[in-house]
Amino acid sequence: MSAMTDPRLWLAPGTMADLGPLRRWVARAPDVGVETVQADIRPGELGAADTLTVLAGSGGALVVAIRTLPDFLRARRTNVTIKVKVGETTFEIDVKNAEDMVPLIEQLIERVWP
């Protein structure tokens, strides 16, 4: 896998109600910026889900942001699922698998942005 130019990942919560809280949560991580990306609605679709782009100066900053997700998931009153995309690889995490998935995501980030 070749290194990408700028460290970034994408987050897509399972519901739009979790988008704002997730954005605020991840934005607390040091050295990251979080942007909301509005989805394009195509003809015939009822709607599309917005996503978050997490930008950082280094892969290490992205790892710090990813490490906050298990606490976010535990803090939610409902079962939340978040899709995390790094490069072309997508992971789906929730409160049940977060502790196992976060290290896998970290390893991918560290391979892409050593």
C-alpha atoms as a PDB file:
ATOM      1  CA  MET A   1       0.000   0.000   0.000  1.00  0.00           C
ATOM      2  CA  SER A   2       1.538   3.327  -0.996  1.00  0.00           C
ATOM      3  CA  ALA A   3       1.594   6.254   1.378  1.00  0.00           C
ATOM      4  CA  MET A   4      -1.133   8.818   0.825  1.00  0.00           C
ATOM      5  CA  THR A   5      -0.206  12.493   0.758  1.00  0.00           C
ATOM      6  CA  ASP A   6      -2.129  13.765   3.762  1.00  0.00           C
ATOM      7  CA  PRO A   7      -3.249  11.792   6.807  1.00  0.00           C
ATOM      8  CA  ARG A   8      -7.035  11.547   6.792  1.00  0.00           C
ATOM      9  CA  LEU A   9      -9.810   9.126   7.515  1.00  0.00           C
ATOM     10  CA  TRP A  10     -13.551   9.155   7.123  1.00  0.00           C
ATOM     11  CA  LEU A  11     -16.172   8.441   9.770  1.00  0.00           C
ATOM     12  CA  ALA A  12     -19.808   7.655   9.062  1.00  0.00           C
ATOM     13  CA  PRO A  13     -22.090   7.131  12.064  1.00  0.00           C
ATOM     14  CA  GLY A  14     -25.040   4.803  11.640  1.00  0.00           C
ATOM     15  CA  THR A  15     -27.538   7.623  12.186  1.00  0.00           C
ATOM     16  CA  MET A  16     -27.539  11.325  11.422  1.00  0.00           C
ATOM     17  CA  ALA A  17     -28.375  11.998  15.081  1.00  0.00           C
ATOM     18  CA  ASP A  18     -24.864  10.823  15.995  1.00  0.00           C
ATOM     19  CA  LEU A  19     -23.041  12.971  13.407  1.00  0.00           C
ATOM     20  CA  GLY A  20     -22.825  16.166  15.500  1.00  0.00           C
ATOM     21  CA  PRO A  21     -21.870  14.461  18.755  1.00  0.00           C
ATOM     22  CA  LEU A  22     -19.246  12.349  16.951  1.00  0.00           C
ATOM     23  CA  ARG A  23     -17.823  15.442  15.248  1.00  0.00           C
ATOM     24  CA  ARG A  24     -17.501  17.303  18.552  1.00  0.00           C
ATOM     25  CA  TRP A  25     -16.004  14.242  20.270  1.00  0.00           C
ATOM     26  CA  VAL A  26     -13.299  13.594  17.673  1.00  0.00           C
ATOM     27  CA  ALA A  27     -12.489  17.308  17.331  1.00  0.00           C
ATOM     28  CA  ARG A  28     -11.292  17.262  20.956  1.00  0.00           C
ATOM     29  CA  ALA A  29      -8.327  15.106  19.931  1.00  0.00           C
ATOM     30  CA  PRO A  30      -5.143  17.169  19.609  1.00  0.00           C
ATOM     31  CA  ASP A  31      -3.781  18.107  16.183  1.00  0.00           C
ATOM     32  CA  VAL A  32      -6.801  17.008  14.145  1.00  0.00           C
ATOM     33  CA  GLY A  33      -9.410  18.883  12.194  1.00  0.00           C
ATOM     34  CA  VAL A  34     -12.870  17.520  11.504  1.00  0.00           C
ATOM     35  CA  GLU A  35     -14.998  18.528   8.533  1.00  0.00           C
ATOM     36  CA  THR A  36     -18.556  17.495   7.758  1.00  0.00           C
ATOM     37  CA  VAL A  37     -18.929  16.280   4.187  1.00  0.00           C
ATOM     38  CA  GLN A  38     -22.468  16.564   2.903  1.00  0.00           C
ATOM     39  CA  ALA A  39     -23.549  13.635   0.803  1.00  0.00           C
ATOM     40  CA  ASP A  40     -24.799  14.109  -2.711  1.00  0.00           C
ATOM     41  CA  ILE A  41     -28.386  13.010  -3.137  1.00  0.00           C
ATOM     42  CA  ARG A  42     -28.873  11.345  -6.481  1.00  0.00           C
ATOM     43  CA  PRO A  43     -32.133  11.318  -8.451  1.00  0.00           C
ATOM     44  CA  GLY A  44     -34.479   8.691  -7.070  1.00  0.00           C
ATOM     45  CA  GLU A  45     -32.816   8.583  -3.626  1.00  0.00           C
ATOM     46  CA  LEU A  46     -34.655   9.649  -0.513  1.00  0.00           C
ATOM     47  CA  GLY A  47     -31.492  10.895   1.110  1.00  0.00           C
ATOM     48  CA  ALA A  48     -27.871  10.154   1.801  1.00  0.00           C
ATOM     49  CA  ALA A  49     -25.808  10.182   4.978  1.00  0.00           C
ATOM     50  CA  ASP A  50     -23.225  12.860   5.645  1.00  0.00           C
ATOM     51  CA  THR A  51     -19.760  11.783   6.746  1.00  0.00           C
ATOM     52  CA  LEU A  52     -16.897  13.288   8.687  1.00  0.00           C
ATOM     53  CA  THR A  53     -13.405  13.746   7.319  1.00  0.00           C
ATOM     54  CA  VAL A  54     -10.727  13.727   9.999  1.00  0.00           C
ATOM     55  CA  LEU A  55      -7.540  15.499   8.870  1.00  0.00           C
ATOM     56  CA  ALA A  56      -4.228  15.483  10.686  1.00  0.00           C
ATOM     57  CA  GLY A  57      -0.633  16.524  10.289  1.00  0.00           C
ATOM     58  CA  SER A  58       0.532  12.980  10.996  1.00  0.00           C
ATOM     59  CA  GLY A  59      -0.678   9.425  11.244  1.00  0.00           C
ATOM     60  CA  GLY A  60       0.040   9.588  14.970  1.00  0.00           C
ATOM     61  CA  ALA A  61      -2.609  12.273  15.426  1.00  0.00           C
ATOM     62  CA  LEU A  62      -5.137  10.077  13.609  1.00  0.00           C
ATOM     63  CA  VAL A  63      -4.282   7.191  15.937  1.00  0.00           C
ATOM     64  CA  VAL A  64      -4.985   9.422  18.945  1.00  0.00           C
ATOM     65  CA  ALA A  65      -8.371  10.364  17.433  1.00  0.00           C
ATOM     66  CA  ILE A  66      -9.252   6.717  16.715  1.00  0.00           C
ATOM     67  CA  ARG A  67      -8.391   5.729  20.276  1.00  0.00           C
ATOM     68  CA  THR A  68     -11.179   8.000  21.530  1.00  0.00           C
ATOM     69  CA  LEU A  69     -13.922   6.091  19.669  1.00  0.00           C
ATOM     70  CA  PRO A  70     -14.475   3.285  22.219  1.00  0.00           C
ATOM     71  CA  ASP A  71     -15.220   5.909  24.901  1.00  0.00           C
ATOM     72  CA  PHE A  72     -17.607   7.714  22.531  1.00  0.00           C
ATOM     73  CA  LEU A  73     -19.447   4.463  21.812  1.00  0.00           C
ATOM     74  CA  ARG A  74     -19.720   3.577  25.506  1.00  0.00           C
ATOM     75  CA  ALA A  75     -21.028   7.073  26.320  1.00  0.00           C
ATOM     76  CA  ARG A  76     -23.952   6.860  23.877  1.00  0.00           C
ATOM     77  CA  ARG A  77     -27.349   5.806  25.220  1.00  0.00           C
ATOM     78  CA  THR A  78     -28.106   3.758  22.117  1.00  0.00           C
ATOM     79  CA  ASN A  79     -26.086   1.171  20.243  1.00  0.00           C
ATOM     80  CA  VAL A  80     -24.111   3.212  17.709  1.00  0.00           C
ATOM     81  CA  THR A  81     -22.214   1.855  14.724  1.00  0.00           C
ATOM     82  CA  ILE A  82     -19.485   3.876  13.027  1.00  0.00           C
ATOM     83  CA  LYS A  83     -17.913   3.095   9.675  1.00  0.00           C
ATOM     84  CA  VAL A  84     -14.259   4.091   9.578  1.00  0.00           C
ATOM     85  CA  LYS A  85     -12.529   4.347   6.204  1.00  0.00           C
ATOM     86  CA  VAL A  86      -8.754   4.550   5.893  1.00  0.00           C
ATOM     87  CA  GLY A  87      -7.655   4.693   2.268  1.00  0.00           C
ATOM     88  CA  GLU A  88      -9.705   2.036   0.524  1.00  0.00           C
ATOM     89  CA  THR A  89     -10.295  -0.085   3.641  1.00  0.00           C
ATOM     90  CA  THR A  90     -13.519   0.276   5.612  1.00  0.00           C
ATOM     91  CA  PHE A  91     -14.090  -0.978   9.158  1.00  0.00           C
ATOM     92  CA  GLU A  92     -17.364  -1.050  11.065  1.00  0.00           C
ATOM     93  CA  ILE A  93     -17.098  -0.596  14.799  1.00  0.00           C
ATOM     94  CA  ASP A  94     -19.589  -0.605  17.635  1.00  0.00           C
ATOM     95  CA  VAL A  95     -19.446  -0.861  21.403  1.00  0.00           C
ATOM     96  CA  LYS A  96     -19.115  -4.670  21.210  1.00  0.00           C
ATOM     97  CA  ASN A  97     -16.103  -4.823  18.887  1.00  0.00           C
ATOM     98  CA  ALA A  98     -14.389  -1.442  19.383  1.00  0.00           C
ATOM     99  CA  GLU A  99     -11.624  -2.742  21.634  1.00  0.00           C
ATOM    100  CA  ASP A 100     -10.693  -5.322  18.962  1.00  0.00           C
ATOM    101  CA  MET A 101     -11.133  -3.083  15.909  1.00  0.00           C
ATOM    102  CA  VAL A 102      -9.252   0.015  17.079  1.00  0.00           C
ATOM    103  CA  PRO A 103      -5.839  -1.746  17.106  1.00  0.00           C
ATOM    104  CA  LEU A 104      -6.464  -2.986  13.540  1.00  0.00           C
ATOM    105  CA  ILE A 105      -7.300   0.542  12.387  1.00  0.00           C
ATOM    106  CA  GLU A 106      -4.212   1.869  14.173  1.00  0.00           C
ATOM    107  CA  GLN A 107      -2.007  -0.673  12.389  1.00  0.00           C
ATOM    108  CA  LEU A 108      -3.381   0.367   9.007  1.00  0.00           C
ATOM    109  CA  ILE A 109      -2.875   4.070   9.774  1.00  0.00           C
ATOM    110  CA  GLU A 110       0.708   3.387  10.854  1.00  0.00           C
ATOM    111  CA  ARG A 111       1.375   1.452   7.616  1.00  0.00           C
ATOM    112  CA  VAL A 112      -0.077   4.193   5.412  1.00  0.00           C
ATOM    113  CA  TRP A 113       1.485   7.135   7.310  1.00  0.00           C
ATOM    114  CA  PRO A 114       4.591   5.770   9.096  1.00  0.00           C
END
